[in-house]
Protein backbone atom coordinates (compact mmCIF):
# COMPACT_ATOMS: atom_id res chain seq x y z
CA MET A 1 -96.73 -21.35 96.46
CA ASN A 2 -94.92 -19.97 93.44
CA ALA A 3 -94.93 -23.11 91.27
CA VAL A 4 -92.06 -23.27 88.78
CA PRO A 5 -93.09 -24.58 85.32
CA GLN A 6 -91.52 -28.01 84.90
CA GLU A 7 -89.88 -27.48 81.54
CA ARG A 8 -86.35 -26.77 80.35
CA ARG A 9 -86.02 -23.37 78.68
CA VAL A 10 -82.87 -21.63 77.44
CA VAL A 11 -83.59 -18.04 76.37
CA THR A 12 -80.14 -16.42 76.78
CA ALA A 13 -76.54 -17.53 76.81
CA ILE A 14 -75.75 -19.38 80.06
CA PRO A 15 -75.01 -17.38 82.19
CA GLY A 16 -77.29 -14.61 80.88
CA PRO A 17 -76.84 -10.84 81.15
CA LYS A 18 -78.53 -10.43 84.57
CA SER A 19 -76.50 -13.32 86.01
CA GLN A 20 -73.35 -11.74 84.58
CA GLU A 21 -74.19 -8.42 86.27
CA LEU A 22 -74.72 -10.19 89.58
CA GLN A 23 -71.49 -12.13 89.09
CA ALA A 24 -69.61 -8.83 88.68
CA ARG A 25 -71.11 -7.61 91.98
CA ARG A 26 -70.24 -10.92 93.60
CA LEU A 27 -66.59 -10.67 92.52
CA ASP A 28 -66.38 -7.31 94.30
CA THR A 29 -67.61 -8.51 97.68
CA VAL A 30 -67.64 -12.33 97.97
CA ALA A 31 -64.38 -14.07 98.90
CA GLY A 32 -62.64 -15.62 95.90
CA GLY A 33 -62.21 -18.94 97.71
CA VAL A 34 -65.98 -19.55 97.53
CA GLY A 35 -66.56 -21.27 94.19
CA SER A 36 -69.68 -21.95 92.12
CA THR A 37 -70.24 -24.79 89.68
CA LEU A 38 -72.26 -22.52 87.39
CA PRO A 39 -72.64 -18.76 88.01
CA VAL A 40 -76.31 -18.52 87.03
CA PHE A 41 -78.17 -16.73 89.80
CA THR A 42 -81.29 -18.51 90.96
CA LYS A 43 -84.62 -16.69 91.11
CA ARG A 44 -86.82 -19.64 92.10
CA ALA A 45 -86.65 -23.41 92.08
CA GLY A 46 -88.92 -26.39 92.61
CA GLY A 47 -89.58 -29.92 91.38
CA GLY A 48 -86.81 -30.69 88.89
CA ILE A 49 -86.20 -27.10 87.72
CA ILE A 50 -84.03 -24.13 88.70
CA GLU A 51 -85.13 -20.83 87.15
CA ASP A 52 -82.50 -18.10 86.89
CA VAL A 53 -82.79 -14.30 86.93
CA ASP A 54 -82.69 -14.23 83.12
CA GLY A 55 -85.69 -16.54 82.79
CA ASN A 56 -83.72 -19.66 81.82
CA ARG A 57 -85.01 -22.89 83.31
CA LEU A 58 -82.42 -25.56 83.99
CA ILE A 59 -83.09 -29.22 84.66
CA ASP A 60 -81.63 -29.83 88.10
CA PHE A 61 -79.35 -32.88 88.34
CA GLY A 62 -77.59 -31.53 91.44
CA SER A 63 -80.22 -30.83 94.15
CA GLY A 64 -77.82 -28.35 95.77
CA ILE A 65 -75.47 -31.35 96.29
CA ALA A 66 -78.13 -33.83 97.45
CA VAL A 67 -79.89 -31.32 99.73
CA THR A 68 -83.21 -30.55 98.03
CA SER A 69 -84.26 -34.19 97.64
CA VAL A 70 -87.90 -33.21 98.27
CA GLY A 71 -87.54 -30.30 95.80
CA ALA A 72 -86.38 -26.75 96.51
CA SER A 73 -89.82 -25.44 97.53
CA ALA A 74 -91.64 -28.49 98.90
CA GLU A 75 -95.09 -27.60 100.22
CA ALA A 76 -94.72 -29.27 103.63
CA VAL A 77 -91.26 -27.75 104.23
CA VAL A 78 -92.48 -24.23 103.33
CA ARG A 79 -95.71 -24.60 105.32
CA ARG A 80 -94.07 -25.84 108.51
CA ALA A 81 -91.06 -23.50 108.36
CA ALA A 82 -93.31 -20.49 107.66
CA ALA A 83 -95.55 -21.34 110.62
CA GLN A 84 -92.51 -21.66 112.89
CA LEU A 85 -91.13 -18.31 111.64
CA GLN A 86 -94.38 -16.68 112.82
CA ASP A 87 -93.94 -18.08 116.33
CA PHE A 88 -90.21 -17.58 116.99
CA THR A 89 -86.96 -17.82 115.03
CA HIS A 90 -84.64 -18.87 117.84
CA THR A 91 -84.32 -19.32 121.57
CA CYS A 92 -81.26 -21.64 121.63
CA PHE A 93 -82.20 -25.16 122.65
CA MET A 94 -79.50 -25.01 125.35
CA VAL A 95 -81.25 -22.01 126.94
CA THR A 96 -84.98 -22.71 126.60
CA PRO A 97 -85.85 -25.83 124.59
CA TYR A 98 -88.79 -26.38 122.20
CA GLU A 99 -90.77 -29.32 120.88
CA GLY A 100 -89.50 -29.28 117.27
CA TYR A 101 -86.00 -30.39 118.31
CA VAL A 102 -87.45 -33.29 120.30
CA GLU A 103 -89.73 -34.28 117.38
CA VAL A 104 -86.77 -34.42 114.97
CA CYS A 105 -84.84 -36.62 117.43
CA GLU A 106 -87.90 -38.90 117.75
CA ALA A 107 -88.12 -39.15 113.93
CA LEU A 108 -84.41 -39.99 113.70
CA ALA A 109 -84.76 -42.71 116.34
CA GLU A 110 -87.61 -44.22 114.31
CA LEU A 111 -86.01 -43.97 110.85
CA THR A 112 -82.35 -44.88 111.41
CA PRO A 113 -81.27 -48.56 111.27
CA GLY A 114 -81.49 -50.79 114.33
CA ASP A 115 -84.12 -51.28 117.04
CA HIS A 116 -81.86 -50.38 119.99
CA ALA A 117 -82.52 -47.32 122.17
CA LYS A 118 -81.26 -44.23 120.28
CA LYS A 119 -80.61 -40.59 121.05
CA SER A 120 -79.61 -37.66 118.84
CA ALA A 121 -77.92 -34.27 119.02
CA LEU A 122 -78.61 -31.64 116.37
CA PHE A 123 -76.11 -29.34 114.65
CA ASN A 124 -75.90 -27.06 111.58
CA SER A 125 -73.69 -28.76 108.99
CA GLY A 126 -72.41 -32.15 107.95
CA ALA A 127 -68.87 -31.33 109.06
CA GLU A 128 -70.16 -30.38 112.51
CA ALA A 129 -72.02 -33.69 112.73
CA VAL A 130 -68.91 -35.68 111.82
CA GLU A 131 -66.74 -33.71 114.25
CA ASN A 132 -69.25 -34.31 117.06
CA ALA A 133 -69.49 -38.02 116.22
CA VAL A 134 -65.72 -38.22 116.77
CA LYS A 135 -66.03 -36.30 120.07
CA ILE A 136 -68.75 -38.69 121.24
CA ALA A 137 -66.78 -41.80 120.19
CA ARG A 138 -63.67 -40.55 122.00
CA SER A 139 -65.69 -39.77 125.12
CA TYR A 140 -67.28 -43.23 125.09
CA THR A 141 -64.18 -45.31 124.33
CA LYS A 142 -61.56 -43.16 126.14
CA ARG A 143 -59.42 -43.69 123.01
CA GLN A 144 -58.08 -41.18 120.48
CA ALA A 145 -57.41 -42.64 117.02
CA VAL A 146 -59.88 -42.16 114.17
CA VAL A 147 -59.79 -44.40 111.07
CA VAL A 148 -61.02 -43.10 107.70
CA PHE A 149 -60.73 -44.36 104.12
CA ASP A 150 -59.16 -43.57 100.77
CA HIS A 151 -61.46 -41.37 98.63
CA GLY A 152 -63.50 -40.34 101.70
CA TYR A 153 -64.89 -36.84 102.23
CA HIS A 154 -66.04 -35.60 105.64
CA GLY A 155 -66.02 -31.79 105.59
CA ARG A 156 -64.07 -28.55 105.72
CA THR A 157 -63.37 -27.93 109.44
CA ASN A 158 -59.85 -28.66 110.68
CA LEU A 159 -60.63 -32.16 111.96
CA THR A 160 -62.83 -33.10 109.00
CA MET A 161 -60.27 -31.78 106.48
CA GLY A 162 -57.80 -34.13 108.12
CA MET A 163 -60.35 -36.94 107.69
CA THR A 164 -60.95 -36.06 104.02
CA ALA A 165 -58.75 -37.81 101.43
CA LYS A 166 -58.56 -35.36 98.53
CA ASN A 167 -56.11 -32.47 98.79
CA MET A 168 -57.37 -30.02 96.12
CA PRO A 169 -59.46 -28.02 96.71
CA TYR A 170 -60.33 -29.12 100.25
CA LYS A 171 -57.00 -29.18 102.13
CA GLN A 172 -54.34 -27.40 100.09
CA GLY A 173 -52.59 -24.77 102.20
CA PHE A 174 -54.84 -25.16 105.26
CA GLY A 175 -52.73 -27.43 107.52
CA PRO A 176 -51.54 -28.53 109.98
CA PHE A 177 -54.47 -30.84 110.55
CA ALA A 178 -55.76 -32.51 113.70
CA PRO A 179 -53.65 -35.49 114.79
CA GLU A 180 -54.63 -39.14 115.31
CA VAL A 181 -56.43 -39.53 111.97
CA TYR A 182 -55.38 -42.61 109.96
CA ARG A 183 -56.37 -43.52 106.40
CA VAL A 184 -56.77 -47.10 105.13
CA PRO A 185 -57.78 -48.67 101.77
CA VAL A 186 -61.39 -48.81 100.60
CA ALA A 187 -63.03 -51.39 98.31
CA TYR A 188 -63.12 -49.42 95.03
CA GLY A 189 -64.17 -52.27 92.76
CA TYR A 190 -63.62 -50.56 89.42
CA ARG A 191 -59.98 -49.82 90.24
CA TRP A 192 -59.10 -52.83 92.41
CA PRO A 193 -55.93 -54.52 91.03
CA THR A 194 -57.26 -58.10 91.16
CA GLY A 195 -60.76 -57.22 89.90
CA ALA A 196 -64.09 -56.19 91.40
CA GLU A 197 -65.13 -59.73 92.38
CA ASN A 198 -62.19 -60.09 94.83
CA CYS A 199 -62.32 -56.50 96.02
CA GLY A 200 -64.60 -56.64 99.08
CA PRO A 201 -62.78 -59.28 101.14
CA GLU A 202 -59.28 -58.25 99.95
CA ALA A 203 -59.78 -54.56 100.72
CA ALA A 204 -61.29 -55.37 104.12
CA ALA A 205 -58.34 -57.62 104.98
CA GLN A 206 -55.89 -54.88 103.91
CA ALA A 207 -57.71 -52.18 105.89
CA ILE A 208 -57.91 -54.36 109.01
CA ASP A 209 -54.24 -55.33 108.69
CA ASN A 210 -53.29 -51.64 108.45
CA ILE A 211 -55.34 -50.81 111.54
CA THR A 212 -53.97 -53.63 113.67
CA LYS A 213 -50.31 -53.20 112.62
CA GLN A 214 -50.01 -49.42 112.25
CA ILE A 215 -52.42 -48.07 114.88
CA GLY A 216 -53.46 -50.88 117.22
CA ALA A 217 -57.15 -51.72 117.40
CA GLU A 218 -57.15 -50.94 121.13
CA ASN A 219 -56.27 -47.30 120.35
CA VAL A 220 -59.09 -46.70 117.85
CA ALA A 221 -62.10 -44.69 119.03
CA ALA A 222 -64.01 -44.64 115.74
CA ILE A 223 -64.05 -45.98 112.20
CA VAL A 224 -65.85 -43.45 109.99
CA ILE A 225 -67.01 -44.23 106.44
CA GLU A 226 -69.57 -43.07 103.91
CA PRO A 227 -71.62 -46.17 102.90
CA VAL A 228 -71.51 -44.68 99.38
CA LEU A 229 -68.47 -42.41 99.08
CA GLY A 230 -69.68 -39.05 97.78
CA GLU A 231 -67.08 -36.50 96.71
CA GLY A 232 -64.59 -39.35 96.14
CA GLY A 233 -66.63 -40.45 93.12
CA PHE A 234 -69.88 -42.13 94.23
CA ILE A 235 -67.91 -45.28 95.04
CA GLU A 236 -70.04 -48.13 96.36
CA PRO A 237 -67.70 -50.26 98.49
CA ALA A 238 -67.61 -53.77 96.99
CA LYS A 239 -69.98 -56.23 98.64
CA GLY A 240 -68.70 -57.76 101.86
CA PHE A 241 -66.36 -54.89 102.68
CA LEU A 242 -68.62 -52.92 105.03
CA PRO A 243 -69.89 -55.97 106.98
CA ALA A 244 -66.27 -57.09 107.56
CA ILE A 245 -65.28 -53.63 108.81
CA VAL A 246 -68.34 -53.47 111.09
CA LYS A 247 -67.55 -56.92 112.54
CA PHE A 248 -63.94 -55.84 113.21
CA ALA A 249 -65.19 -52.66 114.92
CA ASN A 250 -67.67 -54.60 117.07
CA ASP A 251 -65.07 -57.22 118.03
CA ASN A 252 -62.64 -54.52 119.16
CA GLY A 253 -64.88 -52.07 121.00
CA ILE A 254 -64.55 -49.47 118.21
CA VAL A 255 -67.47 -47.12 117.46
CA PHE A 256 -68.59 -47.63 113.84
CA VAL A 257 -69.82 -44.34 112.34
CA ALA A 258 -71.80 -44.26 109.07
CA ASP A 259 -71.44 -40.85 107.43
CA GLU A 260 -74.80 -40.69 105.64
CA ILE A 261 -74.64 -36.96 104.98
CA GLN A 262 -74.85 -37.26 101.18
CA ALA A 263 -76.40 -40.74 100.86
CA GLY A 264 -79.10 -40.55 103.56
CA PHE A 265 -82.82 -39.70 103.52
CA CYS A 266 -84.09 -41.77 100.57
CA ARG A 267 -81.28 -40.70 98.23
CA THR A 268 -80.21 -44.30 97.48
CA GLY A 269 -83.73 -45.78 97.50
CA GLN A 270 -83.53 -46.68 101.19
CA TRP A 271 -83.82 -44.35 104.16
CA PHE A 272 -80.08 -44.85 104.67
CA ALA A 273 -77.48 -46.34 102.33
CA CYS A 274 -75.99 -48.60 105.03
CA GLU A 275 -79.24 -50.59 105.07
CA ASP A 276 -78.22 -52.15 101.74
CA GLU A 277 -76.02 -54.74 103.48
CA GLY A 278 -78.03 -54.74 106.71
CA ILE A 279 -75.50 -52.62 108.58
CA VAL A 280 -76.52 -51.11 111.92
CA PRO A 281 -74.05 -48.34 112.76
CA ASP A 282 -73.27 -47.32 116.33
CA LEU A 283 -73.51 -43.67 115.25
CA ILE A 284 -74.93 -42.19 112.07
CA THR A 285 -74.34 -38.63 110.84
CA THR A 286 -76.94 -36.87 108.70
CA ALA A 287 -77.36 -33.43 107.10
CA LYS A 288 -77.96 -32.41 103.44
CA GLY A 289 -81.31 -34.08 102.63
CA ILE A 290 -82.64 -33.86 106.20
CA ALA A 291 -84.44 -30.48 106.09
CA GLY A 292 -85.36 -29.58 102.51
CA GLY A 293 -82.59 -26.99 102.22
CA LEU A 294 -82.56 -25.49 105.71
CA PRO A 295 -79.30 -25.89 107.67
CA LEU A 296 -79.62 -28.89 109.97
CA ALA A 297 -77.45 -31.88 110.83
CA ALA A 298 -77.57 -34.68 113.37
CA VAL A 299 -75.62 -37.37 115.14
CA THR A 300 -77.89 -40.29 116.06
CA GLY A 301 -76.70 -43.37 117.87
CA ARG A 302 -76.86 -45.93 120.61
CA ALA A 303 -78.21 -44.24 123.73
CA GLU A 304 -75.34 -45.41 125.93
CA ILE A 305 -72.74 -44.00 123.51
CA MET A 306 -74.58 -40.70 123.04
CA ASP A 307 -75.04 -40.35 126.81
CA SER A 308 -71.32 -40.92 127.56
CA VAL A 309 -70.66 -37.19 127.09
CA HIS A 310 -70.87 -34.97 130.20
CA GLY A 311 -73.73 -32.42 130.41
CA GLY A 312 -72.92 -29.32 128.36
CA GLY A 313 -70.30 -31.18 126.30
CA LEU A 314 -72.40 -31.13 123.13
CA GLY A 315 -74.20 -28.20 121.58
CA GLY A 316 -73.82 -24.93 119.69
CA THR A 317 -75.84 -21.74 119.51
CA TYR A 318 -77.81 -22.57 116.38
CA GLY A 319 -77.81 -26.38 116.57
CA GLY A 320 -81.33 -27.66 115.91
CA ASN A 321 -82.69 -24.21 115.05
CA PRO A 322 -86.51 -24.28 115.36
CA VAL A 323 -87.14 -23.20 111.74
CA ALA A 324 -84.73 -25.85 110.44
CA CYS A 325 -86.38 -28.47 112.66
CA ALA A 326 -89.77 -27.52 111.22
CA GLY A 327 -88.28 -27.89 107.73
CA ALA A 328 -86.96 -31.34 108.61
CA LEU A 329 -90.36 -32.50 109.83
CA GLY A 330 -91.84 -31.22 106.56
CA ALA A 331 -89.16 -33.01 104.51
CA ILE A 332 -89.72 -36.30 106.35
CA GLU A 333 -93.50 -35.91 105.92
CA THR A 334 -92.94 -35.44 102.16
CA MET A 335 -90.59 -38.44 101.92
CA LYS A 336 -93.18 -40.69 103.55
CA GLU A 337 -96.24 -39.33 101.73
CA LEU A 338 -94.69 -39.43 98.25
CA ASP A 339 -92.73 -42.68 98.86
CA LEU A 340 -89.48 -41.03 97.82
CA ASN A 341 -87.58 -44.29 98.36
CA GLY A 342 -89.73 -45.78 95.60
CA LYS A 343 -89.14 -42.68 93.46
CA ALA A 344 -85.37 -42.97 93.96
CA LYS A 345 -85.45 -46.62 92.84
CA ARG A 346 -87.39 -45.64 89.73
CA ILE A 347 -84.85 -42.89 88.95
CA GLU A 348 -82.10 -45.53 89.19
CA GLU A 349 -83.98 -47.82 86.82
CA VAL A 350 -84.40 -45.09 84.20
CA MET A 351 -80.89 -43.67 84.52
CA LYS A 352 -78.99 -46.96 84.57
CA ALA A 353 -80.87 -48.28 81.53
CA ARG A 354 -80.15 -45.10 79.56
CA LEU A 355 -76.53 -44.81 80.71
CA THR A 356 -75.81 -48.49 79.95
CA ALA A 357 -77.05 -47.93 76.39
CA MET A 358 -74.77 -44.88 76.15
CA GLN A 359 -71.80 -46.88 77.47
CA GLU A 360 -72.15 -49.27 74.51
CA LYS A 361 -71.76 -46.31 72.14
CA PHE A 362 -69.21 -44.27 74.08
CA PRO A 363 -66.18 -46.18 75.44
CA ALA A 364 -65.22 -43.11 77.53
CA ILE A 365 -67.83 -44.33 80.05
CA GLY A 366 -65.65 -46.72 82.03
CA ASP A 367 -68.05 -47.38 84.90
CA ILE A 368 -71.68 -46.70 85.81
CA ARG A 369 -72.40 -46.92 89.51
CA GLY A 370 -74.42 -45.74 92.46
CA ARG A 371 -77.87 -46.48 93.80
CA GLY A 372 -81.21 -44.73 93.71
CA ALA A 373 -80.89 -41.10 92.67
CA MET A 374 -77.16 -41.10 93.47
CA ILE A 375 -75.73 -42.26 90.14
CA ALA A 376 -72.39 -41.53 88.47
CA ILE A 377 -70.33 -42.32 85.38
CA GLU A 378 -66.56 -42.55 85.58
CA LEU A 379 -64.85 -41.31 82.42
CA VAL A 380 -61.65 -42.90 81.11
CA LYS A 381 -59.35 -42.34 78.13
CA ASP A 382 -59.10 -46.08 77.54
CA PRO A 383 -61.43 -48.76 78.93
CA VAL A 384 -58.48 -51.16 79.31
CA THR A 385 -55.94 -48.94 81.10
CA LYS A 386 -58.74 -46.99 82.85
CA GLU A 387 -56.67 -43.81 82.67
CA PRO A 388 -58.83 -41.05 84.24
CA TYR A 389 -60.32 -38.57 81.75
CA ALA A 390 -60.95 -35.43 83.81
CA GLU A 391 -61.04 -33.22 80.69
CA ALA A 392 -64.03 -35.20 79.38
CA ALA A 393 -65.92 -34.73 82.67
CA ALA A 394 -65.30 -30.96 82.51
CA ALA A 395 -66.30 -30.77 78.83
CA LEU A 396 -69.49 -32.79 79.40
CA ALA A 397 -70.49 -30.57 82.33
CA LYS A 398 -69.88 -27.43 80.26
CA TYR A 399 -71.95 -28.74 77.34
CA CYS A 400 -74.82 -29.72 79.64
CA HIS A 401 -74.75 -26.32 81.40
CA ASN A 402 -74.93 -24.47 78.08
CA GLU A 403 -77.96 -26.60 77.13
CA GLY A 404 -79.77 -25.97 80.42
CA VAL A 405 -78.95 -29.10 82.42
CA LEU A 406 -77.16 -28.59 85.73
CA VAL A 407 -74.72 -31.45 86.44
CA LEU A 408 -71.88 -31.81 88.94
CA THR A 409 -68.49 -33.48 88.71
CA CYS A 410 -66.60 -35.26 91.50
CA GLY A 411 -64.03 -37.97 92.12
CA THR A 412 -60.48 -38.11 93.44
CA TYR A 413 -59.28 -37.90 89.82
CA GLY A 414 -61.90 -35.30 88.78
CA ASN A 415 -63.23 -37.70 86.13
CA VAL A 416 -66.68 -38.53 87.48
CA LEU A 417 -69.96 -36.98 86.38
CA ARG A 418 -72.48 -37.40 89.20
CA PHE A 419 -76.26 -37.17 89.04
CA LEU A 420 -78.31 -36.13 92.07
CA PRO A 421 -81.75 -35.17 90.73
CA PRO A 422 -84.45 -34.15 93.21
CA LEU A 423 -86.45 -37.28 94.06
CA VAL A 424 -89.60 -35.46 92.96
CA ILE A 425 -88.35 -34.81 89.39
CA GLY A 426 -90.79 -35.76 86.62
CA GLU A 427 -89.76 -38.69 84.42
CA ASP A 428 -90.08 -36.54 81.30
CA LEU A 429 -87.51 -34.07 82.68
CA LEU A 430 -85.27 -36.93 83.78
CA ASN A 431 -85.25 -38.38 80.27
CA GLU A 432 -84.78 -34.96 78.69
CA GLY A 433 -81.74 -34.35 80.88
CA LEU A 434 -80.36 -37.75 79.82
CA ASP A 435 -80.94 -36.80 76.16
CA VAL A 436 -78.72 -33.76 76.69
CA ILE A 437 -76.05 -35.90 78.39
CA GLU A 438 -76.14 -38.30 75.41
CA ALA A 439 -75.77 -35.38 72.98
CA ALA A 440 -72.86 -34.11 75.07
CA LEU A 441 -71.11 -37.51 74.89
CA ALA A 442 -71.58 -37.54 71.10
CA GLN A 443 -69.96 -34.07 70.92
CA ILE A 444 -66.84 -34.93 72.90
């Protein structure tokens, strides 16, 4: 193991000369549509640090967008994946199967909410998981319509672009999109017209009214929602909203799908974010944090729903690749051994206390939200009008990057700074990163 020293170190401009050379090569051969938050080229990473080719060490508040929750070089992930690489890299589970795939499905049946019989199918990416969840729901219900929510994000394939709310950069110029996708309001407490305390029941009533009047409940195959909305701005639906939507789905024979791709696997301080209000989804989609950085995704759900698809109807050449499955078993082992749910809750405690103190000094912080190690601040020009302040989010990110702290922005209005540290980050690094964020707020 090549352990990365757990300390922030800035020895060149960010990006440094070697990163700039690599960036020039990249511009020659990598498609311009592939962006990067920060063009520093990684040499190694682990714990709470990313080390670049110039020897700078950045505090990682991004985890590769919630992927490296166990760290970017977790011992169990490396050990298990390396052992699998020695044995075989691929056979295709649909040709000759292997135990690792079955073990991952067993782990998912154990960890996901609900004590009903469950089955899983494995894929490569979050978008693939969402798309397959829709296929399965349509097969089971013999219906076509799919209901999604304002501010939702579900992926970059044609169907999942249609399911995603935000146009730029995800959808602009890529249509037409798949039909029979309908969007309804979500309980965004901070921006709800009558206030956060009324938001849950009012938003649920509006969403249900839209579904019944505009689509017809009897035509809906699936309702798909992120229990904490990720790219849309780390929006936690106001309390009561999700249970009301689940009850409506259950009452009307609609498959309720929890998209846990960003929020799952200990990220919010529970195995899955939907557990917060005791929700048991019919289907749950996972990816990102599942395999310590190796490409793996899953749809897990009620056995009778999963088994409604004809033989051969689900699959894909690489789905449940043996090396990725080994990585997932290593990631799950790490999550259990290190109690990463407990670690996520501690990260929330530290971050929310520090950010609340900052909010008292800096009125640009309109809202602090999220759970576990999935925390965000929404930036506004005026705390009364709540006018989005996207320029502040961009300026804060730039300041942090120059000082060696990697942060990400998000939100429908581009005004949210989101924090996704690895769950294994040391508390000293966590606080040091927050110091830099505080200095950044003082600057802008």
